[in-house]
PDB file of all heavy atoms in Angstrom:
ATOM      1  N   ILE A   1     -34.083-111.675-142.598  1.00  0.00           N
ATOM      2  CA  ILE A   1     -33.652-110.433-143.308  1.00  0.00           C
ATOM      3  C   ILE A   1     -33.556-109.297-142.309  1.00  0.00           C
ATOM      4  O   ILE A   1     -34.510-109.045-141.509  1.00  0.00           O
ATOM      5  CB  ILE A   1     -34.615-110.083-144.436  1.00  0.00           C
ATOM      6  CG1 ILE A   1     -34.686-111.228-145.483  1.00  0.00           C
ATOM      7  CG2 ILE A   1     -34.171-108.768-145.107  1.00  0.00           C
ATOM      8  CD1 ILE A   1     -33.350-111.537-146.124  1.00  0.00           C
ATOM      9  N   ARG A   2     -32.473-108.567-142.343  1.00  0.00           N
ATOM     10  CA  ARG A   2     -32.301-107.370-141.527  1.00  0.00           C
ATOM     11  C   ARG A   2     -31.963-106.193-142.467  1.00  0.00           C
ATOM     12  O   ARG A   2     -31.116-106.343-143.343  1.00  0.00           O
ATOM     13  CB  ARG A   2     -31.179-107.560-140.509  1.00  0.00           C
ATOM     14  CG  ARG A   2     -31.526-108.567-139.444  1.00  0.00           C
ATOM     15  CD  ARG A   2     -32.544-108.035-138.503  1.00  0.00           C
ATOM     16  NE  ARG A   2     -33.011-109.010-137.524  1.00  0.00           N
ATOM     17  CZ  ARG A   2     -34.097-109.725-137.647  1.00  0.00           C
ATOM     18  NH1 ARG A   2     -34.833-109.595-138.714  1.00  0.00           N
ATOM     19  NH2 ARG A   2     -34.454-110.595-136.718  1.00  0.00           N
ATOM     20  N   GLU A   3     -32.655-105.093-142.269  1.00  0.00           N
ATOM     21  CA  GLU A   3     -32.480-103.947-143.152  1.00  0.00           C
ATOM     22  C   GLU A   3     -32.717-102.669-142.380  1.00  0.00           C
ATOM     23  O   GLU A   3     -33.290-102.673-141.286  1.00  0.00           O
ATOM     24  CB  GLU A   3     -33.475-104.046-144.323  1.00  0.00           C
ATOM     25  CG  GLU A   3     -34.927-104.106-143.903  1.00  0.00           C
ATOM     26  CD  GLU A   3     -35.854-104.416-145.067  1.00  0.00           C
ATOM     27  OE1 GLU A   3     -35.433-104.211-146.198  1.00  0.00           O
ATOM     28  OE2 GLU A   3     -36.981-104.806-144.823  1.00  0.00           O
ATOM     29  N   SER A   4     -32.263-101.570-142.950  1.00  0.00           N
ATOM     30  CA  SER A   4     -32.423-100.290-142.293  1.00  0.00           C
ATOM     31  C   SER A   4     -33.851 -99.835-142.357  1.00  0.00           C
ATOM     32  O   SER A   4     -34.586-100.123-143.295  1.00  0.00           O
ATOM     33  CB  SER A   4     -31.509 -99.240-142.979  1.00  0.00           C
ATOM     34  OG  SER A   4     -31.852 -99.097-144.346  1.00  0.00           O
ATOM     35  N   GLY A   5     -34.275 -99.104-141.296  1.00  0.00           N
ATOM     36  CA  GLY A   5     -35.647 -98.622-141.227  1.00  0.00           C
ATOM     37  C   GLY A   5     -36.650 -99.705-140.828  1.00  0.00           C
ATOM     38  O   GLY A   5     -36.366-100.881-140.952  1.00  0.00           O
ATOM     39  N   GLY A   6     -37.789 -99.298-140.320  1.00  0.00           N
ATOM     40  CA  GLY A   6     -38.840-100.257-139.982  1.00  0.00           C
ATOM     41  C   GLY A   6     -38.540-101.062-138.743  1.00  0.00           C
ATOM     42  O   GLY A   6     -37.663-100.728-137.928  1.00  0.00           O
ATOM     43  N   ASP A   7     -39.253-102.167-138.609  1.00  0.00           N
ATOM     44  CA  ASP A   7     -39.182-103.023-137.408  1.00  0.00           C
ATOM     45  C   ASP A   7     -38.193-104.157-137.576  1.00  0.00           C
ATOM     46  O   ASP A   7     -38.126-105.052-136.707  1.00  0.00           O
ATOM     47  CB  ASP A   7     -40.552-103.558-137.068  1.00  0.00           C
ATOM     48  CG  ASP A   7     -41.525-102.484-136.620  1.00  0.00           C
ATOM     49  OD1 ASP A   7     -41.029-101.435-136.243  1.00  0.00           O
ATOM     50  OD2 ASP A   7     -42.732-102.706-136.672  1.00  0.00           O
ATOM     51  N   ARG A   8     -37.426-104.208-138.658  1.00  0.00           N
ATOM     52  CA  ARG A   8     -36.473-105.298-138.855  1.00  0.00           C
ATOM     53  C   ARG A   8     -35.026-104.759-138.887  1.00  0.00           C
ATOM     54  O   ARG A   8     -34.156-105.324-139.539  1.00  0.00           O
ATOM     55  CB  ARG A   8     -36.763-106.040-140.154  1.00  0.00           C
ATOM     56  CG  ARG A   8     -38.113-106.741-140.138  1.00  0.00           C
ATOM     57  CD  ARG A   8     -38.274-107.664-141.339  1.00  0.00           C
ATOM     58  NE  ARG A   8     -38.224-107.021-142.600  1.00  0.00           N
ATOM     59  CZ  ARG A   8     -38.299-107.612-143.782  1.00  0.00           C
ATOM     60  NH1 ARG A   8     -38.420-108.932-143.817  1.00  0.00           N
ATOM     61  NH2 ARG A   8     -38.247-106.919-144.906  1.00  0.00           N
ATOM     62  N   SER A   9     -34.807-103.663-138.176  1.00  0.00           N
ATOM     63  CA  SER A   9     -33.479-103.060-138.187  1.00  0.00           C
ATOM     64  C   SER A   9     -32.603-103.458-137.017  1.00  0.00           C
ATOM     65  O   SER A   9     -31.406-103.281-137.071  1.00  0.00           O
ATOM     66  CB  SER A   9     -33.641-101.529-138.202  1.00  0.00           C
ATOM     67  OG  SER A   9     -34.302-101.097-137.047  1.00  0.00           O
ATOM     68  N   ALA A  10     -33.190-104.032-135.977  1.00  0.00           N
ATOM     69  CA  ALA A  10     -32.411-104.413-134.770  1.00  0.00           C
ATOM     70  C   ALA A  10     -31.658-105.706-135.046  1.00  0.00           C
ATOM     71  O   ALA A  10     -32.170-106.662-135.605  1.00  0.00           O
ATOM     72  CB  ALA A  10     -33.320-104.565-133.602  1.00  0.00           C
ATOM     73  N   VAL A  11     -30.394-105.686-134.682  1.00  0.00           N
ATOM     74  CA  VAL A  11     -29.513-106.882-134.832  1.00  0.00           C
ATOM     75  C   VAL A  11     -28.893-107.209-133.448  1.00  0.00           C
ATOM     76  O   VAL A  11     -28.702-106.317-132.635  1.00  0.00           O
ATOM     77  CB  VAL A  11     -28.424-106.715-135.902  1.00  0.00           C
ATOM     78  CG1 VAL A  11     -29.025-106.667-137.297  1.00  0.00           C
ATOM     79  CG2 VAL A  11     -27.608-105.453-135.623  1.00  0.00           C
ATOM     80  N   THR A  12     -28.569-108.461-133.302  1.00  0.00           N
ATOM     81  CA  THR A  12     -28.036-108.949-132.023  1.00  0.00           C
ATOM     82  C   THR A  12     -26.603-109.416-132.158  1.00  0.00           C
ATOM     83  O   THR A  12     -26.278-110.126-133.131  1.00  0.00           O
ATOM     84  CB  THR A  12     -28.907-110.114-131.482  1.00  0.00           C
ATOM     85  OG1 THR A  12     -30.270-109.674-131.409  1.00  0.00           O
ATOM     86  CG2 THR A  12     -28.447-110.557-130.118  1.00  0.00           C
ATOM     87  N   GLY A  13     -25.765-109.030-131.222  1.00  0.00           N
ATOM     88  CA  GLY A  13     -24.370-109.480-131.264  1.00  0.00           C
ATOM     89  C   GLY A  13     -24.257-110.965-131.197  1.00  0.00           C
ATOM     90  O   GLY A  13     -25.017-111.620-130.464  1.00  0.00           O
ATOM     91  N   GLY A  14     -23.335-111.530-131.943  1.00  0.00           N
ATOM     92  CA  GLY A  14     -23.127-112.975-131.971  1.00  0.00           C
ATOM     93  C   GLY A  14     -23.825-113.675-133.122  1.00  0.00           C
ATOM     94  O   GLY A  14     -23.540-114.832-133.382  1.00  0.00           O
ATOM     95  N   THR A  15     -24.725-112.966-133.830  1.00  0.00           N
ATOM     96  CA  THR A  15     -25.347-113.537-135.012  1.00  0.00           C
ATOM     97  C   THR A  15     -24.462-113.289-136.235  1.00  0.00           C
ATOM     98  O   THR A  15     -23.571-112.430-136.172  1.00  0.00           O
ATOM     99  CB  THR A  15     -26.717-112.967-135.240  1.00  0.00           C
ATOM    100  OG1 THR A  15     -26.629-111.534-135.358  1.00  0.00           O
ATOM    101  CG2 THR A  15     -27.637-113.261-134.059  1.00  0.00           C
ATOM    102  N   GLN A  16     -24.707-114.031-137.294  1.00  0.00           N
ATOM    103  CA  GLN A  16     -23.787-113.974-138.467  1.00  0.00           C
ATOM    104  C   GLN A  16     -24.503-113.534-139.738  1.00  0.00           C
ATOM    105  O   GLN A  16     -25.564-113.994-140.057  1.00  0.00           O
ATOM    106  CB  GLN A  16     -23.181-115.381-138.667  1.00  0.00           C
ATOM    107  CG  GLN A  16     -22.130-115.425-139.803  1.00  0.00           C
ATOM    108  CD  GLN A  16     -21.608-116.819-140.041  1.00  0.00           C
ATOM    109  OE1 GLN A  16     -22.405-117.733-140.127  1.00  0.00           O
ATOM    110  NE2 GLN A  16     -20.308-116.999-140.153  1.00  0.00           N
ATOM    111  N   VAL A  17     -23.849-112.641-140.463  1.00  0.00           N
ATOM    112  CA  VAL A  17     -24.364-112.199-141.758  1.00  0.00           C
ATOM    113  C   VAL A  17     -24.009-113.246-142.817  1.00  0.00           C
ATOM    114  O   VAL A  17     -22.829-113.603-142.952  1.00  0.00           O
ATOM    115  CB  VAL A  17     -23.755-110.823-142.144  1.00  0.00           C
ATOM    116  CG1 VAL A  17     -24.119-110.449-143.571  1.00  0.00           C
ATOM    117  CG2 VAL A  17     -24.260-109.733-141.177  1.00  0.00           C
ATOM    118  N   LEU A  18     -25.011-113.736-143.551  1.00  0.00           N
ATOM    119  CA  LEU A  18     -24.777-114.732-144.536  1.00  0.00           C
ATOM    120  C   LEU A  18     -24.567-114.188-145.932  1.00  0.00           C
ATOM    121  O   LEU A  18     -23.864-114.784-146.759  1.00  0.00           O
ATOM    122  CB  LEU A  18     -25.981-115.732-144.586  1.00  0.00           C
ATOM    123  CG  LEU A  18     -26.248-116.479-143.273  1.00  0.00           C
ATOM    124  CD1 LEU A  18     -27.475-117.340-143.455  1.00  0.00           C
ATOM    125  CD2 LEU A  18     -25.065-117.339-142.882  1.00  0.00           C
ATOM    126  N   SER A  19     -25.202-113.058-146.235  1.00  0.00           N
ATOM    127  CA  SER A  19     -25.047-112.475-147.577  1.00  0.00           C
ATOM    128  C   SER A  19     -25.118-110.990-147.493  1.00  0.00           C
ATOM    129  O   SER A  19     -25.628-110.392-146.563  1.00  0.00           O
ATOM    130  CB  SER A  19     -26.160-113.009-148.497  1.00  0.00           C
ATOM    131  OG  SER A  19     -27.420-112.513-148.047  1.00  0.00           O
ATOM    132  N   ASP A  20     -24.557-110.313-148.530  1.00  0.00           N
ATOM    133  CA  ASP A  20     -24.571-108.837-148.638  1.00  0.00           C
ATOM    134  C   ASP A  20     -23.807-108.199-147.497  1.00  0.00           C
ATOM    135  O   ASP A  20     -22.929-108.811-146.899  1.00  0.00           O
ATOM    136  CB  ASP A  20     -26.010-108.352-148.724  1.00  0.00           C
ATOM    137  CG  ASP A  20     -26.793-109.011-149.813  1.00  0.00           C
ATOM    138  OD1 ASP A  20     -26.501-108.718-151.000  1.00  0.00           O
ATOM    139  OD2 ASP A  20     -27.695-109.871-149.545  1.00  0.00           O
ATOM    140  N   TRP A  21     -24.146-106.955-147.172  1.00  0.00           N
ATOM    141  CA  TRP A  21     -23.451-106.255-146.137  1.00  0.00           C
ATOM    142  C   TRP A  21     -24.381-105.247-145.459  1.00  0.00           C
ATOM    143  O   TRP A  21     -25.407-104.842-146.073  1.00  0.00           O
ATOM    144  CB  TRP A  21     -22.221-105.515-146.653  1.00  0.00           C
ATOM    145  CG  TRP A  21     -22.580-104.517-147.741  1.00  0.00           C
ATOM    146  CD1 TRP A  21     -22.653-104.737-149.063  1.00  0.00           C
ATOM    147  CD2 TRP A  21     -22.944-103.139-147.556  1.00  0.00           C
ATOM    148  NE1 TRP A  21     -23.050-103.611-149.736  1.00  0.00           N
ATOM    149  CE2 TRP A  21     -23.204-102.591-148.828  1.00  0.00           C
ATOM    150  CE3 TRP A  21     -23.065-102.307-146.449  1.00  0.00           C
ATOM    151  CZ2 TRP A  21     -23.618-101.264-149.024  1.00  0.00           C
ATOM    152  CZ3 TRP A  21     -23.432-100.965-146.627  1.00  0.00           C
ATOM    153  CH2 TRP A  21     -23.697-100.485-147.909  1.00  0.00           C
ATOM    154  N   ILE A  22     -24.070-104.845-144.258  1.00  0.00           N
ATOM    155  CA  ILE A  22     -24.859-103.810-143.564  1.00  0.00           C
ATOM    156  C   ILE A  22     -23.910-102.968-142.726  1.00  0.00           C
ATOM    157  O   ILE A  22     -22.863-103.378-142.295  1.00  0.00           O
ATOM    158  CB  ILE A  22     -25.903-104.451-142.624  1.00  0.00           C
ATOM    159  CG1 ILE A  22     -25.278-105.551-141.762  1.00  0.00           C
ATOM    160  CG2 ILE A  22     -27.090-105.010-143.397  1.00  0.00           C
ATOM    161  CD1 ILE A  22     -26.245-106.187-140.748  1.00  0.00           C
ATOM    162  N   ARG A  23     -24.337-101.696-142.532  1.00  0.00           N
ATOM    163  CA  ARG A  23     -23.678-100.826-141.583  1.00  0.00           C
ATOM    164  C   ARG A  23     -24.552-100.822-140.307  1.00  0.00           C
ATOM    165  O   ARG A  23     -25.750-100.654-140.383  1.00  0.00           O
ATOM    166  CB  ARG A  23     -23.565 -99.389-142.097  1.00  0.00           C
ATOM    167  CG  ARG A  23     -22.629 -99.235-143.301  1.00  0.00           C
ATOM    168  CD  ARG A  23     -22.683 -97.781-143.765  1.00  0.00           C
ATOM    169  NE  ARG A  23     -21.984 -97.585-145.018  1.00  0.00           N
ATOM    170  CZ  ARG A  23     -20.715 -97.162-145.116  1.00  0.00           C
ATOM    171  NH1 ARG A  23     -20.047 -96.898-144.008  1.00  0.00           N
ATOM    172  NH2 ARG A  23     -20.152 -97.029-146.304  1.00  0.00           N
ATOM    173  N   VAL A  24     -23.895-101.033-139.195  1.00  0.00           N
ATOM    174  CA  VAL A  24     -24.603-101.136-137.915  1.00  0.00           C
ATOM    175  C   VAL A  24     -24.120-100.098-136.932  1.00  0.00           C
ATOM    176  O   VAL A  24     -22.896 -99.945-136.722  1.00  0.00           O
ATOM    177  CB  VAL A  24     -24.387-102.565-137.325  1.00  0.00           C
ATOM    178  CG1 VAL A  24     -25.089-102.651-135.950  1.00  0.00           C
ATOM    179  CG2 VAL A  24     -24.932-103.625-138.286  1.00  0.00           C
ATOM    180  N   ARG A  25     -25.042 -99.404-136.351  1.00  0.00           N
ATOM    181  CA  ARG A  25     -24.732 -98.438-135.288  1.00  0.00           C
ATOM    182  C   ARG A  25     -24.896 -99.172-133.955  1.00  0.00           C
ATOM    183  O   ARG A  25     -25.974 -99.714-133.673  1.00  0.00           O
ATOM    184  CB  ARG A  25     -25.647 -97.222-135.320  1.00  0.00           C
ATOM    185  CG  ARG A  25     -25.300 -96.205-134.187  1.00  0.00           C
ATOM    186  CD  ARG A  25     -26.313 -95.093-134.078  1.00  0.00           C
ATOM    187  NE  ARG A  25     -26.256 -94.222-135.245  1.00  0.00           N
ATOM    188  CZ  ARG A  25     -27.250 -94.060-136.098  1.00  0.00           C
ATOM    189  NH1 ARG A  25     -28.364 -94.735-135.967  1.00  0.00           N
ATOM    190  NH2 ARG A  25     -27.134 -93.242-137.127  1.00  0.00           N
ATOM    191  N   ILE A  26     -23.859 -99.206-133.138  1.00  0.00           N
ATOM    192  CA  ILE A  26     -23.885 -99.903-131.853  1.00  0.00           C
ATOM    193  C   ILE A  26     -24.815 -99.163-130.893  1.00  0.00           C
ATOM    194  O   ILE A  26     -24.705 -97.950-130.723  1.00  0.00           O
ATOM    195  CB  ILE A  26     -22.475-100.038-131.252  1.00  0.00           C
ATOM    196  CG1 ILE A  26     -21.554-100.752-132.232  1.00  0.00           C
ATOM    197  CG2 ILE A  26     -22.522-100.759-129.928  1.00  0.00           C
ATOM    198  CD1 ILE A  26     -21.983-102.108-132.644  1.00  0.00           C
ATOM    199  N   THR A  27     -25.702 -99.906-130.256  1.00  0.00           N
ATOM    200  CA  THR A  27     -26.720 -99.291-129.385  1.00  0.00           C
ATOM    201  C   THR A  27     -26.611 -99.763-127.940  1.00  0.00           C
ATOM    202  O   THR A  27     -27.319 -99.267-127.055  1.00  0.00           O
ATOM    203  CB  THR A  27     -28.139 -99.615-129.865  1.00  0.00           C
ATOM    204  OG1 THR A  27     -28.288-101.069-129.932  1.00  0.00           O
ATOM    205  CG2 THR A  27     -28.385 -99.036-131.249  1.00  0.00           C
ATOM    206  N   ALA A  28     -25.709-100.722-127.634  1.00  0.00           N
ATOM    207  CA  ALA A  28     -25.593-101.257-126.263  1.00  0.00           C
ATOM    208  C   ALA A  28     -24.154-101.207-125.814  1.00  0.00           C
ATOM    209  O   ALA A  28     -23.232-101.579-126.545  1.00  0.00           O
ATOM    210  CB  ALA A  28     -26.113-102.661-126.161  1.00  0.00           C
ATOM    211  N   ALA A  29     -23.937-100.716-124.583  1.00  0.00           N
ATOM    212  CA  ALA A  29     -22.571-100.687-124.029  1.00  0.00           C
ATOM    213  C   ALA A  29     -22.169-102.102-123.620  1.00  0.00           C
ATOM    214  O   ALA A  29     -22.983-102.973-123.347  1.00  0.00           O
ATOM    215  CB  ALA A  29     -22.549 -99.768-122.811  1.00  0.00           C
ATOM    216  N   GLN A  30     -20.861-102.358-123.575  1.00  0.00           N
ATOM    217  CA  GLN A  30     -20.360-103.664-123.163  1.00  0.00           C
ATOM    218  C   GLN A  30     -20.780-103.942-121.727  1.00  0.00           C
ATOM    219  O   GLN A  30     -20.719-103.098-120.865  1.00  0.00           O
ATOM    220  CB  GLN A  30     -18.833-103.716-123.279  1.00  0.00           C
ATOM    221  CG  GLN A  30     -18.352-103.681-124.724  1.00  0.00           C
ATOM    222  CD  GLN A  30     -18.940-104.848-125.545  1.00  0.00           C
ATOM    223  OE1 GLN A  30     -19.001-105.954-125.104  1.00  0.00           O
ATOM    224  NE2 GLN A  30     -19.355-104.536-126.768  1.00  0.00           N
ATOM    225  N   GLY A  31     -21.218-105.169-121.510  1.00  0.00           N
ATOM    226  CA  GLY A  31     -21.739-105.545-120.200  1.00  0.00           C
ATOM    227  C   GLY A  31     -23.232-105.494-120.112  1.00  0.00           C
ATOM    228  O   GLY A  31     -23.828-106.049-119.194  1.00  0.00           O
TER     229      GLY A  31
END
């Protein structure tokens, strides 16, 4: 589970959302 706030808010590029939806603010530049 990934959700806003707390210690479960970080997401990694290349992973897949299985249900629901999220808004993600990009934190890493390409490369």
